[in-house]
Amino acid sequence: MPLRIVIHKQMTRTDIVLARLFSRLAETLNDNLIAVESFDGWDGSNVRIVVRVKSDEVVEKIFDIIERVEREAGTPGIIIPDIVTQDELGALP
């Protein structure tokens, strides 16, 4: 499956943390992970994580990974996720 990472503006600290987050999520969630993208959510969320199956266990794993990545980067609280399934989101481009 092709992978494309695009930075539209100057790279920020959040972009670097997001790249690390993607790597860790891919290692843990494998084929359950569909997409990780930065965005401005109406609820203050700044990262959308799209999964095939969203269970309590999957959500807990995602939050654990976010916490570890933020701690390692020295940026606690920088990631505010919106975790959705493809069905909840609609069709992805």
C-alpha atoms as a PDB file:
ATOM      1  CA  MET A   1       0.000   0.000   0.000  1.00  0.00           C
ATOM      2  CA  PRO A   2       1.425   3.410  -0.902  1.00  0.00           C
ATOM      3  CA  LEU A   3       2.350   5.839   1.847  1.00  0.00           C
ATOM      4  CA  ARG A   4       2.539   9.580   1.370  1.00  0.00           C
ATOM      5  CA  ILE A   5       3.567  12.149   3.958  1.00  0.00           C
ATOM      6  CA  VAL A   6       3.016  15.736   2.861  1.00  0.00           C
ATOM      7  CA  ILE A   7       4.001  18.862   4.782  1.00  0.00           C
ATOM      8  CA  HIS A   8       2.083  21.824   3.335  1.00  0.00           C
ATOM      9  CA  LYS A   9       3.736  24.489   5.458  1.00  0.00           C
ATOM     10  CA  GLN A  10       6.925  24.760   7.463  1.00  0.00           C
ATOM     11  CA  MET A  11       7.394  21.642   9.600  1.00  0.00           C
ATOM     12  CA  THR A  12       6.464  22.153  13.248  1.00  0.00           C
ATOM     13  CA  ARG A  13       7.240  20.271  16.446  1.00  0.00           C
ATOM     14  CA  THR A  14       3.730  18.805  16.269  1.00  0.00           C
ATOM     15  CA  ASP A  15       4.483  17.420  12.773  1.00  0.00           C
ATOM     16  CA  ILE A  16       7.566  15.633  14.104  1.00  0.00           C
ATOM     17  CA  VAL A  17       5.611  14.172  17.037  1.00  0.00           C
ATOM     18  CA  LEU A  18       2.853  13.139  14.618  1.00  0.00           C
ATOM     19  CA  ALA A  19       5.365  11.242  12.452  1.00  0.00           C
ATOM     20  CA  ARG A  20       6.620   9.389  15.532  1.00  0.00           C
ATOM     21  CA  LEU A  21       3.039   8.686  16.550  1.00  0.00           C
ATOM     22  CA  PHE A  22       2.221   7.220  13.140  1.00  0.00           C
ATOM     23  CA  SER A  23       5.213   4.896  13.343  1.00  0.00           C
ATOM     24  CA  ARG A  24       4.236   3.586  16.774  1.00  0.00           C
ATOM     25  CA  LEU A  25       0.570   3.204  15.845  1.00  0.00           C
ATOM     26  CA  ALA A  26       1.498   1.283  12.684  1.00  0.00           C
ATOM     27  CA  GLU A  27       3.697  -1.099  14.703  1.00  0.00           C
ATOM     28  CA  THR A  28       0.951  -1.763  17.245  1.00  0.00           C
ATOM     29  CA  LEU A  29      -2.274  -1.618  15.223  1.00  0.00           C
ATOM     30  CA  ASN A  30      -0.945  -3.073  11.957  1.00  0.00           C
ATOM     31  CA  ASP A  31      -3.782  -3.534   9.449  1.00  0.00           C
ATOM     32  CA  ASN A  32      -6.317  -1.900  11.771  1.00  0.00           C
ATOM     33  CA  LEU A  33      -4.737   1.524  11.125  1.00  0.00           C
ATOM     34  CA  ILE A  34      -6.086   3.366   8.080  1.00  0.00           C
ATOM     35  CA  ALA A  35      -4.907   6.968   8.493  1.00  0.00           C
ATOM     36  CA  VAL A  36      -3.305   9.499  10.817  1.00  0.00           C
ATOM     37  CA  GLU A  37      -3.723  13.145   9.898  1.00  0.00           C
ATOM     38  CA  SER A  38      -3.464  16.551  11.476  1.00  0.00           C
ATOM     39  CA  PHE A  39      -6.589  18.691  11.343  1.00  0.00           C
ATOM     40  CA  ASP A  40      -8.568  21.283  13.278  1.00  0.00           C
ATOM     41  CA  GLY A  41     -11.533  19.553  14.893  1.00  0.00           C
ATOM     42  CA  TRP A  42     -14.575  21.410  16.164  1.00  0.00           C
ATOM     43  CA  ASP A  43     -13.939  19.898  19.609  1.00  0.00           C
ATOM     44  CA  GLY A  44     -10.301  21.016  19.842  1.00  0.00           C
ATOM     45  CA  SER A  45      -8.859  17.768  18.534  1.00  0.00           C
ATOM     46  CA  ASN A  46      -5.815  18.201  16.308  1.00  0.00           C
ATOM     47  CA  VAL A  47      -5.082  14.656  15.108  1.00  0.00           C
ATOM     48  CA  ARG A  48      -7.531  12.283  13.460  1.00  0.00           C
ATOM     49  CA  ILE A  49      -6.751   8.580  13.753  1.00  0.00           C
ATOM     50  CA  VAL A  50      -8.845   6.368  11.480  1.00  0.00           C
ATOM     51  CA  VAL A  51      -9.087   2.662  12.298  1.00  0.00           C
ATOM     52  CA  ARG A  52     -10.989  -0.229  10.789  1.00  0.00           C
ATOM     53  CA  VAL A  53     -12.260  -1.497  14.162  1.00  0.00           C
ATOM     54  CA  LYS A  54     -12.690   0.834  17.143  1.00  0.00           C
ATOM     55  CA  SER A  55     -13.043  -1.123  20.363  1.00  0.00           C
ATOM     56  CA  ASP A  56     -12.312  -0.058  23.930  1.00  0.00           C
ATOM     57  CA  GLU A  57      -9.067  -2.041  23.731  1.00  0.00           C
ATOM     58  CA  VAL A  58      -7.984  -0.260  20.535  1.00  0.00           C
ATOM     59  CA  VAL A  59      -8.795   3.186  21.947  1.00  0.00           C
ATOM     60  CA  GLU A  60      -6.865   2.381  25.130  1.00  0.00           C
ATOM     61  CA  LYS A  61      -3.829   1.253  23.099  1.00  0.00           C
ATOM     62  CA  ILE A  62      -3.966   4.474  21.071  1.00  0.00           C
ATOM     63  CA  PHE A  63      -4.054   6.658  24.186  1.00  0.00           C
ATOM     64  CA  ASP A  64      -1.164   4.682  25.728  1.00  0.00           C
ATOM     65  CA  ILE A  65       0.918   5.189  22.593  1.00  0.00           C
ATOM     66  CA  ILE A  66       0.081   8.905  22.456  1.00  0.00           C
ATOM     67  CA  GLU A  67       1.146   9.308  26.082  1.00  0.00           C
ATOM     68  CA  ARG A  68       4.461   7.505  25.499  1.00  0.00           C
ATOM     69  CA  VAL A  69       5.278   9.451  22.321  1.00  0.00           C
ATOM     70  CA  GLU A  70       4.464  12.788  23.980  1.00  0.00           C
ATOM     71  CA  ARG A  71       6.558  11.904  27.038  1.00  0.00           C
ATOM     72  CA  GLU A  72       9.544  10.855  24.901  1.00  0.00           C
ATOM     73  CA  ALA A  73       9.288  14.077  22.881  1.00  0.00           C
ATOM     74  CA  GLY A  74       8.886  16.219  25.994  1.00  0.00           C
ATOM     75  CA  THR A  75       5.572  17.562  24.710  1.00  0.00           C
ATOM     76  CA  PRO A  76       2.818  16.319  27.030  1.00  0.00           C
ATOM     77  CA  GLY A  77      -0.698  17.187  25.904  1.00  0.00           C
ATOM     78  CA  ILE A  78       0.276  18.236  22.368  1.00  0.00           C
ATOM     79  CA  ILE A  79      -1.872  15.515  20.720  1.00  0.00           C
ATOM     80  CA  ILE A  80      -5.650  15.718  21.119  1.00  0.00           C
ATOM     81  CA  PRO A  81      -6.986  12.787  19.101  1.00  0.00           C
ATOM     82  CA  ASP A  82     -10.232  12.170  17.281  1.00  0.00           C
ATOM     83  CA  ILE A  83     -10.412   8.378  16.898  1.00  0.00           C
ATOM     84  CA  VAL A  84     -12.903   7.241  14.273  1.00  0.00           C
ATOM     85  CA  THR A  85     -13.693   4.361  11.961  1.00  0.00           C
ATOM     86  CA  GLN A  86     -13.915   4.784   8.227  1.00  0.00           C
ATOM     87  CA  ASP A  87     -17.706   4.343   8.496  1.00  0.00           C
ATOM     88  CA  GLU A  88     -17.959   7.186  11.011  1.00  0.00           C
ATOM     89  CA  LEU A  89     -15.871   9.412   8.784  1.00  0.00           C
ATOM     90  CA  GLY A  90     -17.388   8.546   5.425  1.00  0.00           C
ATOM     91  CA  ALA A  91     -15.333   7.764   2.354  1.00  0.00           C
ATOM     92  CA  LEU A  92     -11.657   8.722   2.498  1.00  0.00           C
ATOM     93  CA  PRO A  93     -10.046  10.187  -0.605  1.00  0.00           C
END
